[in-house]
Amino acid sequence: MSHLAALRLERRRRAHTAFVVLASALVAACAASLALGALDISLSKIAAALLEPLGFAAGDTLAPHERSTLFAVRFPRVALGLLVGSSLAISGAAMQSIFRNPLVEPGLLGVASGAALGAMLAIVLGDGLASQLPPVLGRAVVPVGAFVTGLLSAWAITHLGRVDGRTSTAVLILAGIAVNSVAGAGIGLLTYLANDAQLRTLTFWTLGSLSGATWPDVRVAVVLVALGSVILVALRRPLAMLELGEREASHLGVDVERTKRIALVVVALLVGTAVSLAGVIGFVGLVVPHLVRMALGHDARVVVPASLLAGGTLLIAADLAARTLVAPAELPLGVVTSAIGGPFLLFLVLRHRRFTW
């Protein structure tokens, strides 16, 4: 066996080991989040409740209040945390490959702030509309508003970023900064106009939370996040080539413009979905893919799918911390992720001041 073949085999084994570890960590985080909280539920009871529909005899049975807490509150919350964390992390991994910069994260495009602006518009100006609709539709006004404005922001940024038929990364970044500024101004104005009740609701969108997770939210997120994730995982090889440089990727047979265009649209879809259902949660798209790169290298063929697993694990663990650290109160999820991401970003800036691809 040649040295190159042995090196490839070693990398493949290392990647397989990493995926097993990440999958195990995800299962552990889900189990802890289901079991722990204001009401602790034993893992044996959770296992018995999950096996019961399959015809297995239950051992420890759940009390009615435990069953309600588990299936109506914690399961949808954990599922939504998995989907939101995975979508933000895989979006960050894709953007870091497109921009060839490990300090890039999904918020750079302005999609998150655009989606938050849409949510706030629906909260402050759409109260009358929501009250006139059936409860199910009325509850959907805010997430739909966030999703629509997030996609509109993405469309505006990608349209502005095209110069002479090509997507300019420099112009794209400037357009994202501009959209972030405009959305920030709009958010500030709406905060000023909001009444006390609306201000409490706005806190959810500015700081992020999974406390309102429901099964309908999960069903919507499953479809959109699964679609976007499958596309980005399918693009992992072209994204890996893009990390070498656009000219080099083109010489290797990658349709650079098509890859960037598809990836950016999918990132907008994923981030818009995450913000519309959980509010603005920062740093997950930065911290997770960078930690994966530090552990497994910069190959997007590994980083993109690994970020999918690691993102869900991090957000579920952060949500568990948010609702247990100051129990019976609950910290905003964005506060927890910012407490992790802020110092980590400072570390990255100091570590990569001379970083080049």
Protein backbone atom coordinates (compact mmCIF):
# COMPACT_ATOMS: atom_id res chain seq x y z
CA MET A 1 0.00 0.00 0.00
CA SER A 2 1.38 3.38 -1.00
CA HIS A 3 1.88 6.16 1.51
CA LEU A 4 -0.93 8.19 -0.11
CA ALA A 5 -3.38 5.28 0.09
CA ALA A 6 -2.46 4.66 3.72
CA LEU A 7 -3.02 8.33 4.50
CA ARG A 8 -6.44 8.27 2.86
CA LEU A 9 -7.40 5.14 4.78
CA GLU A 10 -6.31 6.75 8.05
CA ARG A 11 -8.37 9.86 7.32
CA ARG A 12 -11.38 7.72 6.51
CA ARG A 13 -11.05 5.79 9.77
CA ARG A 14 -10.63 9.02 11.69
CA ALA A 15 -13.77 10.46 10.11
CA HIS A 16 -15.79 7.31 10.87
CA THR A 17 -14.65 7.42 14.51
CA ALA A 18 -15.58 11.10 14.72
CA PHE A 19 -19.09 10.43 13.38
CA VAL A 20 -19.62 7.65 15.94
CA VAL A 21 -18.50 9.98 18.74
CA LEU A 22 -20.71 12.82 17.48
CA ALA A 23 -23.73 10.54 17.13
CA SER A 24 -23.16 9.19 20.65
CA ALA A 25 -22.85 12.72 22.03
CA LEU A 26 -26.11 13.69 20.30
CA VAL A 27 -27.97 10.71 21.80
CA ALA A 28 -26.57 11.54 25.25
CA ALA A 29 -27.60 15.19 24.96
CA CYS A 30 -31.13 14.21 23.87
CA ALA A 31 -31.46 11.73 26.73
CA ALA A 32 -30.26 14.28 29.30
CA SER A 33 -32.59 16.97 27.96
CA LEU A 34 -35.59 14.61 28.07
CA ALA A 35 -34.81 13.45 31.59
CA LEU A 36 -33.74 16.62 33.39
CA GLY A 37 -35.65 19.76 34.26
CA ALA A 38 -38.05 21.15 36.82
CA LEU A 39 -39.57 17.66 36.78
CA ASP A 40 -36.94 14.92 36.57
CA ILE A 41 -38.00 11.78 34.69
CA SER A 42 -35.90 8.64 34.90
CA LEU A 43 -34.37 7.22 31.73
CA SER A 44 -36.00 3.85 32.48
CA LYS A 45 -39.44 5.47 32.39
CA ILE A 46 -38.61 7.28 29.15
CA ALA A 47 -37.39 4.04 27.56
CA ALA A 48 -40.51 2.19 28.72
CA ALA A 49 -42.76 4.90 27.28
CA LEU A 50 -40.98 4.73 23.92
CA LEU A 51 -41.12 0.91 23.78
CA GLU A 52 -44.76 0.68 24.85
CA PRO A 53 -46.27 1.44 21.38
CA LEU A 54 -44.08 -1.34 19.93
CA GLY A 55 -45.80 -3.92 22.10
CA PHE A 56 -43.09 -4.37 24.71
CA ALA A 57 -44.22 -4.72 28.29
CA ALA A 58 -43.57 -1.48 30.16
CA GLY A 59 -41.52 -1.57 33.32
CA ASP A 60 -41.65 1.79 35.07
CA THR A 61 -44.77 3.59 33.89
CA LEU A 62 -45.14 7.33 33.55
CA ALA A 63 -47.54 9.23 35.74
CA PRO A 64 -50.05 11.34 33.76
CA HIS A 65 -48.22 14.59 34.50
CA GLU A 66 -44.90 13.00 33.53
CA ARG A 67 -46.34 11.73 30.25
CA SER A 68 -47.75 15.15 29.43
CA THR A 69 -44.44 16.85 30.22
CA LEU A 70 -42.44 14.36 28.20
CA PHE A 71 -44.52 14.15 25.03
CA ALA A 72 -46.12 17.60 24.88
CA VAL A 73 -43.18 19.71 26.07
CA ARG A 74 -39.79 18.02 26.08
CA PHE A 75 -39.92 15.86 22.96
CA PRO A 76 -40.95 18.71 20.62
CA ARG A 77 -38.43 21.00 22.35
CA VAL A 78 -35.57 18.55 21.89
CA ALA A 79 -36.60 17.81 18.30
CA LEU A 80 -36.78 21.51 17.42
CA GLY A 81 -33.44 22.14 19.13
CA LEU A 82 -31.87 19.38 17.07
CA LEU A 83 -33.28 20.78 13.82
CA VAL A 84 -32.43 24.43 14.55
CA GLY A 85 -28.92 23.67 15.79
CA SER A 86 -28.19 21.41 12.85
CA SER A 87 -29.47 23.95 10.32
CA LEU A 88 -27.41 26.81 11.78
CA ALA A 89 -24.25 24.71 12.05
CA ILE A 90 -24.38 23.23 8.55
CA SER A 91 -25.15 26.70 7.17
CA GLY A 92 -22.06 28.05 8.90
CA ALA A 93 -19.93 25.21 7.54
CA ALA A 94 -21.12 25.90 3.98
CA MET A 95 -20.52 29.65 4.27
CA GLN A 96 -17.03 29.16 5.65
CA SER A 97 -16.21 27.07 2.60
CA ILE A 98 -17.75 29.57 0.17
CA PHE A 99 -15.93 32.55 1.67
CA ARG A 100 -12.81 30.52 2.52
CA ASN A 101 -12.77 32.06 5.98
CA PRO A 102 -13.29 30.18 9.27
CA LEU A 103 -14.62 33.31 10.98
CA VAL A 104 -17.71 33.59 8.75
CA GLU A 105 -21.14 32.68 10.14
CA PRO A 106 -24.72 32.73 8.77
CA GLY A 107 -25.58 36.09 10.35
CA LEU A 108 -23.13 37.74 7.95
CA LEU A 109 -25.67 37.54 5.11
CA GLY A 110 -28.30 39.46 7.04
CA VAL A 111 -30.84 36.65 6.75
CA ALA A 112 -31.19 36.26 10.52
CA SER A 113 -31.71 39.97 11.16
CA GLY A 114 -34.09 40.19 8.19
CA ALA A 115 -36.13 37.31 9.59
CA ALA A 116 -36.16 38.91 13.05
CA LEU A 117 -37.42 42.15 11.50
CA GLY A 118 -40.30 40.24 9.86
CA ALA A 119 -41.19 38.60 13.17
CA MET A 120 -41.23 41.97 14.91
CA LEU A 121 -43.37 43.50 12.18
CA ALA A 122 -45.88 40.70 12.69
CA ILE A 123 -45.79 41.14 16.48
CA VAL A 124 -46.10 44.92 16.58
CA LEU A 125 -48.23 45.61 13.51
CA GLY A 126 -49.99 42.28 12.99
CA ASP A 127 -51.75 41.86 16.33
CA GLY A 128 -55.07 42.88 14.79
CA LEU A 129 -54.68 40.43 11.91
CA ALA A 130 -53.70 37.54 14.18
CA SER A 131 -56.71 38.13 16.43
CA GLN A 132 -59.09 37.89 13.44
CA LEU A 133 -57.75 34.51 12.30
CA PRO A 134 -58.41 31.04 13.72
CA PRO A 135 -56.00 30.21 16.58
CA VAL A 136 -53.86 27.87 14.46
CA LEU A 137 -53.44 30.43 11.68
CA GLY A 138 -53.07 33.32 14.10
CA ARG A 139 -50.16 31.59 15.78
CA ALA A 140 -48.48 31.16 12.38
CA VAL A 141 -48.46 34.88 11.54
CA VAL A 142 -45.17 35.60 13.34
CA PRO A 143 -43.10 32.63 12.04
CA VAL A 144 -44.45 33.09 8.52
CA GLY A 145 -43.57 36.78 8.64
CA ALA A 146 -40.06 35.93 9.82
CA PHE A 147 -39.59 33.29 7.14
CA VAL A 148 -40.81 35.52 4.29
CA THR A 149 -38.66 38.50 5.23
CA GLY A 150 -35.65 36.24 5.78
CA LEU A 151 -35.97 34.89 2.25
CA LEU A 152 -36.52 38.40 0.87
CA SER A 153 -33.34 39.54 2.60
CA ALA A 154 -31.45 36.62 1.08
CA TRP A 155 -32.82 37.42 -2.37
CA ALA A 156 -31.82 41.07 -2.06
CA ILE A 157 -28.31 40.21 -0.88
CA THR A 158 -27.62 37.62 -3.57
CA HIS A 159 -29.06 39.96 -6.24
CA LEU A 160 -26.88 42.85 -5.06
CA GLY A 161 -23.87 40.55 -4.84
CA ARG A 162 -23.89 39.72 -8.56
CA VAL A 163 -21.44 41.78 -10.60
CA ASP A 164 -21.16 41.18 -14.36
CA GLY A 165 -23.00 37.88 -14.02
CA ARG A 166 -20.73 36.59 -11.23
CA THR A 167 -21.26 36.46 -7.49
CA SER A 168 -18.68 38.72 -5.87
CA THR A 169 -17.92 37.61 -2.31
CA ALA A 170 -16.68 41.09 -1.35
CA VAL A 171 -19.88 42.77 -2.59
CA LEU A 172 -21.93 40.00 -0.98
CA ILE A 173 -20.37 40.74 2.41
CA LEU A 174 -20.98 44.48 2.01
CA ALA A 175 -24.60 43.81 1.01
CA GLY A 176 -25.04 41.61 4.08
CA ILE A 177 -23.64 44.33 6.33
CA ALA A 178 -26.02 46.85 4.74
CA VAL A 179 -29.06 44.59 5.23
CA ASN A 180 -28.01 43.95 8.84
CA SER A 181 -27.84 47.71 9.43
CA VAL A 182 -31.23 48.41 7.84
CA ALA A 183 -32.85 45.53 9.72
CA GLY A 184 -31.24 46.71 12.95
CA ALA A 185 -32.71 50.17 12.45
CA GLY A 186 -36.14 48.67 11.77
CA ILE A 187 -35.90 46.46 14.86
CA GLY A 188 -34.96 49.47 16.98
CA LEU A 189 -37.92 51.47 15.66
CA LEU A 190 -40.38 48.63 16.27
CA THR A 191 -39.01 48.15 19.78
CA TYR A 192 -39.68 51.83 20.42
CA LEU A 193 -43.24 51.55 19.09
CA ALA A 194 -44.12 48.31 20.91
CA ASN A 195 -46.26 48.25 24.04
CA ASP A 196 -45.31 46.36 27.19
CA ALA A 197 -46.96 43.10 26.15
CA GLN A 198 -45.35 43.23 22.72
CA LEU A 199 -41.95 43.98 24.25
CA ARG A 200 -42.11 40.74 26.22
CA THR A 201 -42.82 38.84 23.02
CA LEU A 202 -40.04 40.66 21.19
CA THR A 203 -37.57 39.33 23.77
CA PHE A 204 -38.16 35.84 22.36
CA TRP A 205 -37.05 36.92 18.89
CA THR A 206 -34.07 38.99 19.95
CA LEU A 207 -32.66 36.44 22.42
CA GLY A 208 -33.99 33.15 21.05
CA SER A 209 -35.81 30.34 22.83
CA LEU A 210 -37.17 26.84 22.30
CA SER A 211 -39.82 27.22 25.01
CA GLY A 212 -42.64 27.60 22.47
CA ALA A 213 -41.81 24.42 20.55
CA THR A 214 -44.82 22.42 19.34
CA TRP A 215 -45.27 19.38 17.15
CA PRO A 216 -46.59 21.48 14.22
CA ASP A 217 -43.38 23.55 14.42
CA VAL A 218 -41.34 20.36 14.37
CA ARG A 219 -43.18 18.98 11.34
CA VAL A 220 -42.54 22.16 9.36
CA ALA A 221 -38.89 22.26 10.43
CA VAL A 222 -38.30 18.59 9.56
CA VAL A 223 -39.33 19.12 5.95
CA LEU A 224 -37.37 22.33 5.36
CA VAL A 225 -34.25 21.39 7.35
CA ALA A 226 -34.10 17.92 5.82
CA LEU A 227 -34.38 19.37 2.32
CA GLY A 228 -31.70 22.00 2.91
CA SER A 229 -29.35 19.64 4.70
CA VAL A 230 -29.55 16.99 1.98
CA ILE A 231 -28.66 19.61 -0.64
CA LEU A 232 -25.68 20.96 1.32
CA VAL A 233 -24.39 17.47 2.08
CA ALA A 234 -24.68 16.67 -1.63
CA LEU A 235 -22.62 19.81 -2.35
CA ARG A 236 -19.86 18.91 0.10
CA ARG A 237 -17.37 17.94 -2.65
CA PRO A 238 -17.78 21.16 -4.68
CA LEU A 239 -17.57 23.11 -1.41
CA ALA A 240 -14.33 21.32 -0.60
CA MET A 241 -12.97 22.34 -4.00
CA LEU A 242 -14.04 25.96 -3.41
CA GLU A 243 -11.79 26.06 -0.35
CA LEU A 244 -8.84 25.80 -2.74
CA GLY A 245 -9.96 28.99 -4.50
CA GLU A 246 -12.56 29.73 -7.14
CA ARG A 247 -10.11 29.53 -10.06
CA GLU A 248 -8.69 26.24 -8.83
CA ALA A 249 -12.16 24.81 -8.27
CA SER A 250 -13.17 25.82 -11.78
CA HIS A 251 -10.12 24.04 -13.20
CA LEU A 252 -11.17 20.93 -11.26
CA GLY A 253 -14.55 20.92 -13.01
CA VAL A 254 -16.70 22.71 -10.40
CA ASP A 255 -19.40 25.05 -11.67
CA VAL A 256 -18.44 27.76 -9.18
CA GLU A 257 -21.32 30.15 -9.80
CA ARG A 258 -23.95 27.43 -9.68
CA THR A 259 -22.50 25.95 -6.48
CA LYS A 260 -22.33 29.31 -4.72
CA ARG A 261 -25.81 30.28 -5.84
CA ILE A 262 -27.44 27.03 -4.71
CA ALA A 263 -25.54 26.98 -1.41
CA LEU A 264 -26.46 30.57 -0.55
CA VAL A 265 -30.15 30.00 -1.32
CA VAL A 266 -30.17 26.88 0.83
CA VAL A 267 -28.39 28.70 3.67
CA ALA A 268 -31.07 31.39 3.47
CA LEU A 269 -33.78 28.71 3.65
CA LEU A 270 -32.20 27.03 6.67
CA VAL A 271 -31.46 30.22 8.60
CA GLY A 272 -34.86 31.69 7.80
CA THR A 273 -36.50 28.49 9.09
CA ALA A 274 -34.41 28.49 12.28
CA VAL A 275 -35.10 32.14 13.09
CA SER A 276 -38.81 31.88 12.27
CA LEU A 277 -39.25 29.05 14.78
CA ALA A 278 -36.71 29.80 17.52
CA GLY A 279 -35.72 33.46 17.19
CA VAL A 280 -32.20 34.79 16.69
CA ILE A 281 -29.64 32.38 18.17
CA GLY A 282 -26.10 33.55 17.62
CA PHE A 283 -22.70 31.89 17.32
CA VAL A 284 -23.86 28.30 16.66
CA GLY A 285 -23.01 28.68 12.96
CA LEU A 286 -19.56 29.97 13.90
CA VAL A 287 -18.52 27.86 16.86
CA VAL A 288 -19.67 24.41 15.71
CA PRO A 289 -18.08 24.20 12.24
CA HIS A 290 -14.89 25.77 13.55
CA LEU A 291 -14.61 23.22 16.36
CA VAL A 292 -15.18 20.48 13.79
CA ARG A 293 -12.43 21.96 11.59
CA MET A 294 -10.05 22.10 14.53
CA ALA A 295 -10.72 18.44 15.30
CA LEU A 296 -11.05 16.94 11.81
CA GLY A 297 -9.34 19.33 9.42
CA HIS A 298 -10.73 21.66 6.76
CA ASP A 299 -12.13 19.11 4.32
CA ALA A 300 -15.76 20.16 3.69
CA ARG A 301 -16.60 16.57 2.76
CA VAL A 302 -16.23 15.79 6.48
CA VAL A 303 -16.95 19.18 8.06
CA VAL A 304 -20.40 19.67 6.50
CA PRO A 305 -22.05 16.41 7.67
CA ALA A 306 -20.16 16.47 10.99
CA SER A 307 -21.44 19.98 11.70
CA LEU A 308 -24.98 18.68 11.21
CA LEU A 309 -24.56 16.33 14.19
CA ALA A 310 -22.49 18.67 16.34
CA GLY A 311 -24.86 21.61 15.87
CA GLY A 312 -27.84 19.70 17.17
CA THR A 313 -25.82 18.45 20.14
CA LEU A 314 -24.60 21.93 21.10
CA LEU A 315 -28.01 23.58 20.91
CA ILE A 316 -29.76 20.82 22.87
CA ALA A 317 -27.06 21.04 25.56
CA ALA A 318 -27.31 24.85 25.62
CA ASP A 319 -31.10 24.65 25.95
CA LEU A 320 -30.74 22.20 28.83
CA ALA A 321 -28.41 24.66 30.55
CA ALA A 322 -30.80 27.55 29.83
CA ARG A 323 -33.71 25.88 31.63
CA THR A 324 -31.81 24.29 34.53
CA LEU A 325 -29.10 26.76 35.59
CA VAL A 326 -31.56 29.22 37.16
CA ALA A 327 -34.55 26.87 37.63
CA PRO A 328 -37.46 27.37 38.03
CA ALA A 329 -36.75 30.43 35.84
CA GLU A 330 -35.32 30.04 32.35
CA LEU A 331 -32.48 31.88 30.65
CA PRO A 332 -32.93 33.00 27.04
CA LEU A 333 -31.18 30.49 24.81
CA GLY A 334 -29.36 33.24 22.92
CA VAL A 335 -27.75 34.37 26.17
CA VAL A 336 -26.27 30.91 26.72
CA THR A 337 -24.96 30.55 23.16
CA SER A 338 -23.53 34.08 23.27
CA ALA A 339 -21.80 33.31 26.57
CA ILE A 340 -20.13 30.39 24.79
CA GLY A 341 -19.59 32.05 21.42
CA GLY A 342 -18.33 35.47 22.51
CA PRO A 343 -15.17 34.27 24.27
CA PHE A 344 -14.66 31.63 21.57
CA LEU A 345 -14.81 34.29 18.84
CA LEU A 346 -12.24 36.38 20.69
CA PHE A 347 -10.02 33.30 20.91
CA LEU A 348 -10.40 32.69 17.17
CA VAL A 349 -9.60 36.29 16.30
CA LEU A 350 -6.43 36.19 18.37
CA ARG A 351 -5.49 32.75 17.06
CA HIS A 352 -6.13 33.49 13.38
CA ARG A 353 -4.84 37.01 12.97
CA ARG A 354 -2.34 35.65 10.47
CA PHE A 355 -4.58 32.86 9.17
CA THR A 356 -4.58 32.26 5.41
CA TRP A 357 -6.18 29.49 3.37
